[in-house]
């Protein structure tokens, strides 16, 4: 691109229909949901609005009407656009509030489940600790009993040997 001619590389398109900007534009959202767009599409760098040759003035369809009618028409269109924009904003606010309350409820359920899981884990650790203590006590008792039996067997063996020696 040549610096002295900044728009020489820009392709020129026919100007858009001025009436089409005043009507809601159907547009597909990224998620596939259909919706109605009430604001005009965003201009691109190669759009005529950015070209220096485009003159500002009333659209050709409105140029033939008296100025008062054009002003009233524009005011009515702006009021309609504004009311539709307010409705769309109110709808978005309502959806966001519903999503927020749903998210809060889900977070609350998750926290309750986590608390229950923590309680169960604590109970299991206490139970396992108790079972371990019981098992250790049983092992000590069995070792003591085995020691007593060994001592009794040794005494019995000594008694038999002393009787045989007589």
Protein backbone atom coordinates (compact mmCIF):
# COMPACT_ATOMS: atom_id res chain seq x y z
CA UNK A 1 0.00 0.00 0.00
CA UNK A 2 1.33 3.38 -0.94
CA UNK A 3 1.39 5.92 1.95
CA UNK A 4 0.25 8.77 -0.29
CA UNK A 5 -2.85 6.79 -1.29
CA UNK A 6 -4.11 5.16 1.93
CA UNK A 7 -7.31 3.74 0.43
CA UNK A 8 -5.93 2.56 -2.91
CA UNK A 9 -5.86 -1.11 -1.83
CA UNK A 10 -9.40 -1.05 -0.42
CA UNK A 11 -12.02 -2.69 -2.60
CA UNK A 12 -15.07 -0.53 -3.21
CA UNK A 13 -18.51 -1.98 -2.71
CA UNK A 14 -21.90 -0.59 -3.53
CA UNK A 15 -23.36 1.41 -0.62
CA UNK A 16 -25.82 -0.58 1.51
CA UNK A 17 -29.52 0.02 1.29
CA UNK A 18 -30.23 2.74 3.93
CA UNK A 19 -33.61 1.22 4.76
CA UNK A 20 -32.03 -2.14 5.58
CA UNK A 21 -30.16 -0.53 8.49
CA UNK A 22 -33.48 0.50 10.04
CA UNK A 23 -34.94 -3.01 10.08
CA UNK A 24 -33.92 -5.68 12.61
CA UNK A 25 -31.20 -7.86 11.07
CA UNK A 26 -31.50 -11.64 11.56
CA UNK A 27 -28.19 -13.01 12.74
CA UNK A 28 -26.98 -16.39 13.88
CA UNK A 29 -25.18 -16.51 17.22
CA UNK A 30 -21.94 -18.48 17.60
CA UNK A 31 -23.72 -21.21 19.59
CA UNK A 32 -26.22 -21.79 16.79
CA UNK A 33 -29.11 -19.98 18.48
CA UNK A 34 -31.08 -17.73 16.19
CA UNK A 35 -31.81 -14.22 17.26
CA UNK A 36 -32.77 -10.82 15.95
CA UNK A 37 -30.19 -8.12 15.85
CA UNK A 38 -31.59 -4.64 16.43
CA UNK A 39 -28.45 -2.65 15.95
CA UNK A 40 -26.89 -2.30 12.50
CA UNK A 41 -23.97 -4.56 11.62
CA UNK A 42 -20.54 -3.33 12.61
CA UNK A 43 -18.72 -1.56 9.75
CA UNK A 44 -15.61 -3.10 8.25
CA UNK A 45 -12.54 -1.17 7.21
CA UNK A 46 -13.48 -1.52 3.59
CA UNK A 47 -17.08 -0.43 4.20
CA UNK A 48 -18.18 2.76 2.46
CA UNK A 49 -18.61 4.59 5.79
CA UNK A 50 -14.83 4.73 6.09
CA UNK A 51 -14.21 5.91 2.57
CA UNK A 52 -13.66 9.65 2.14
CA UNK A 53 -15.78 9.79 -1.03
CA UNK A 54 -19.07 9.00 0.74
CA UNK A 55 -21.10 12.10 1.44
CA UNK A 56 -23.22 12.42 4.54
CA UNK A 57 -26.83 13.22 3.97
CA UNK A 58 -30.31 11.75 4.15
CA UNK A 59 -30.86 8.40 2.50
CA UNK A 60 -32.21 8.65 -1.05
CA UNK A 61 -35.59 7.21 -0.03
CA UNK A 62 -36.06 9.96 2.56
CA UNK A 63 -34.59 12.81 0.49
CA UNK A 64 -37.82 13.38 -1.46
CA UNK A 65 -39.95 13.82 1.71
CA UNK A 66 -40.40 17.12 3.54
CA UNK A 67 -37.87 17.74 6.34
CA UNK A 68 -40.49 17.57 9.12
CA UNK A 69 -41.68 14.15 7.94
CA UNK A 70 -38.08 12.92 7.67
CA UNK A 71 -37.31 14.18 11.19
CA UNK A 72 -40.46 12.55 12.60
CA UNK A 73 -39.67 9.31 10.79
CA UNK A 74 -36.11 9.30 12.11
CA UNK A 75 -37.29 10.10 15.64
CA UNK A 76 -39.84 7.28 15.48
CA UNK A 77 -37.22 4.87 14.15
CA UNK A 78 -34.77 5.92 16.85
CA UNK A 79 -37.47 5.50 19.53
CA UNK A 80 -38.30 2.07 18.13
CA UNK A 81 -34.64 1.11 18.06
CA UNK A 82 -34.17 2.40 21.59
CA UNK A 83 -37.22 0.54 22.91
CA UNK A 84 -36.10 -2.66 21.18
CA UNK A 85 -32.63 -2.18 22.60
CA UNK A 86 -34.11 -1.73 26.08
CA UNK A 87 -36.20 -4.89 25.63
CA UNK A 88 -33.16 -6.81 24.48
CA UNK A 89 -31.12 -5.49 27.42
CA UNK A 90 -33.92 -6.41 29.86
CA UNK A 91 -34.05 -9.90 28.34
CA UNK A 92 -30.29 -10.28 28.67
CA UNK A 93 -30.39 -9.08 32.27
CA UNK A 94 -33.16 -11.56 33.07
CA UNK A 95 -31.23 -14.42 31.45
CA UNK A 96 -28.05 -13.50 33.30
CA UNK A 97 -29.93 -13.33 36.59
CA UNK A 98 -31.47 -16.76 35.94
CA UNK A 99 -28.08 -18.20 35.05
CA UNK A 100 -26.58 -16.60 38.14
CA UNK A 101 -29.27 -18.00 40.44
CA UNK A 102 -28.93 -21.42 38.80
CA UNK A 103 -25.17 -21.26 39.23
CA UNK A 104 -25.59 -20.22 42.88
CA UNK A 105 -27.96 -23.14 43.49
CA UNK A 106 -25.56 -25.59 41.84
CA UNK A 107 -22.65 -24.19 43.83
CA UNK A 108 -24.68 -24.58 47.03
CA UNK A 109 -25.47 -28.20 46.15
CA UNK A 110 -21.82 -28.85 45.38
CA UNK A 111 -20.76 -27.35 48.72
CA UNK A 112 -23.34 -29.49 50.54
CA UNK A 113 -22.08 -32.61 48.76
CA UNK A 114 -18.47 -31.71 49.58
CA UNK A 115 -19.38 -31.20 53.25
CA UNK A 116 -21.17 -34.57 53.31
CA UNK A 117 -18.18 -36.25 51.67
CA UNK A 118 -15.81 -34.65 54.19
CA UNK A 119 -18.05 -35.88 57.03
CA UNK A 120 -18.09 -39.41 55.60
CA UNK A 121 -14.31 -39.42 55.19
CA UNK A 122 -13.84 -38.25 58.79
CA UNK A 123 -16.24 -40.94 60.03
CA UNK A 124 -14.37 -43.58 58.03
CA UNK A 125 -11.01 -42.43 59.42
CA UNK A 126 -12.38 -42.60 62.97
CA UNK A 127 -13.86 -46.05 62.33
CA UNK A 128 -10.60 -47.29 60.76
CA UNK A 129 -8.61 -45.86 63.68
CA UNK A 130 -10.93 -47.59 66.14
CA UNK A 131 -10.69 -50.90 64.23
CA UNK A 132 -6.89 -50.56 64.14
CA UNK A 133 -6.80 -49.98 67.92
CA UNK A 134 -9.09 -52.99 68.47
CA UNK A 135 -6.91 -55.14 66.22
CA UNK A 136 -3.73 -54.06 68.02
CA UNK A 137 -5.37 -54.85 71.38
CA UNK A 138 -6.42 -58.27 70.07
CA UNK A 139 -2.87 -58.95 68.81
CA UNK A 140 -1.41 -57.96 72.22
CA UNK A 141 -3.92 -60.22 74.01
CA UNK A 142 -3.10 -63.10 71.65
CA UNK A 143 0.65 -62.56 72.17
CA UNK A 144 0.15 -62.55 75.96
CA UNK A 145 -1.94 -65.73 75.78
CA UNK A 146 0.68 -67.38 73.55
CA UNK A 147 3.36 -66.42 76.10
CA UNK A 148 1.27 -67.88 78.93
CA UNK A 149 0.76 -71.09 76.94
CA UNK A 150 4.48 -71.35 76.20
CA UNK A 151 5.24 -70.85 79.91
CA UNK A 152 2.65 -73.48 80.87
CA UNK A 153 4.08 -75.91 78.28
CA UNK A 154 7.61 -75.32 79.60
CA UNK A 155 6.47 -76.02 83.19
CA UNK A 156 4.65 -79.10 82.08
CA UNK A 157 7.74 -80.35 80.22
CA UNK A 158 9.92 -79.71 83.30
CA UNK A 159 7.40 -81.53 85.52
CA UNK A 160 7.38 -84.54 83.19
CA UNK A 161 11.19 -84.62 83.06
CA UNK A 162 11.42 -84.45 86.84
CA UNK A 163 8.92 -87.32 87.17
CA UNK A 164 10.80 -89.41 84.65
CA UNK A 165 14.05 -88.75 86.47
CA UNK A 166 12.63 -90.17 89.67
